[in-house]
Protein backbone atom coordinates (compact mmCIF):
# COMPACT_ATOMS: atom_id res chain seq x y z
CA MET A 1 -46.85 36.67 67.78
CA ASP A 2 -48.51 40.16 66.59
CA VAL A 3 -51.14 40.85 64.13
CA ASN A 4 -48.88 40.67 61.11
CA ASP A 5 -47.89 37.08 61.84
CA LEU A 6 -51.72 36.04 62.05
CA ARG A 7 -52.23 37.93 58.75
CA ALA A 8 -49.40 35.98 57.08
CA LEU A 9 -50.76 32.63 58.64
CA SER A 10 -54.31 33.41 57.30
CA THR A 11 -53.06 34.24 53.77
CA VAL A 12 -51.17 30.67 53.52
CA PHE A 13 -54.02 29.04 55.03
CA MET A 14 -56.46 30.47 52.44
CA PHE A 15 -53.82 29.65 49.52
CA VAL A 16 -53.73 25.94 50.76
CA ALA A 17 -57.41 25.95 50.79
CA PHE A 18 -57.63 27.20 47.54
CA ILE A 19 -55.34 24.80 45.96
CA GLY A 20 -57.36 21.94 47.77
CA ILE A 21 -60.50 23.32 46.01
CA VAL A 22 -58.84 23.62 42.69
CA GLY A 23 -57.60 20.27 42.93
CA PHE A 24 -60.87 18.71 43.87
CA ALA A 25 -62.48 20.44 41.03
CA ILE A 26 -60.10 19.10 38.53
CA SER A 27 -59.33 15.60 39.93
CA ARG A 28 -60.03 12.85 37.45
CA ARG A 29 -61.88 10.65 39.96
CA ARG A 30 -64.70 13.38 40.15
CA ARG A 31 -64.90 13.97 36.18
CA ALA A 32 -67.83 11.57 35.55
CA ALA A 33 -69.91 13.00 38.55
CA PHE A 34 -69.10 16.46 37.21
CA ASP A 35 -69.85 15.76 33.75
CA GLU A 36 -73.30 14.28 34.81
CA ALA A 37 -73.95 17.29 36.87
CA ALA A 38 -72.97 19.55 33.71
CA GLN A 39 -75.87 17.87 31.66
CA VAL A 40 -78.50 18.44 34.40
CA PRO A 41 -79.79 21.90 32.62
CA PHE A 42 -80.45 19.94 29.61
CA LEU A 43 -82.55 17.31 30.91
CA ASP A 44 -86.17 17.32 29.88
CA ASP A 45 -88.59 19.06 32.41
CA GLN A 46 -90.82 16.52 34.29
CA PRO A 47 -94.36 17.82 34.98
CA VAL A 48 -95.47 19.51 38.32
CA ALA A 49 -97.13 17.16 40.66
CA GLY A 50 -100.72 18.35 41.39
CA GLY A 51 -100.53 20.45 38.16
CA PRO A 52 -102.89 19.98 34.93
CA ALA A 53 -101.33 16.75 33.02
CA GLY A 54 -98.85 17.57 30.49
CA GLU A 55 -98.19 21.30 31.82
CA LYS A 56 -94.56 22.18 32.37
CA GLN A 57 -93.24 24.99 34.47
């Protein structure tokens, strides 16, 4: 086993890992959690604790 075999194995491993990540990202079981996380930037800001009442940062 030489360095080229290790390079080939690492390429195959990275490809399988990539396919796994893509599969995780588009799985239907995770859709609700991802849709909820996508709405986080649009939620109202909460007042900062310890700051003046009603002030948002």
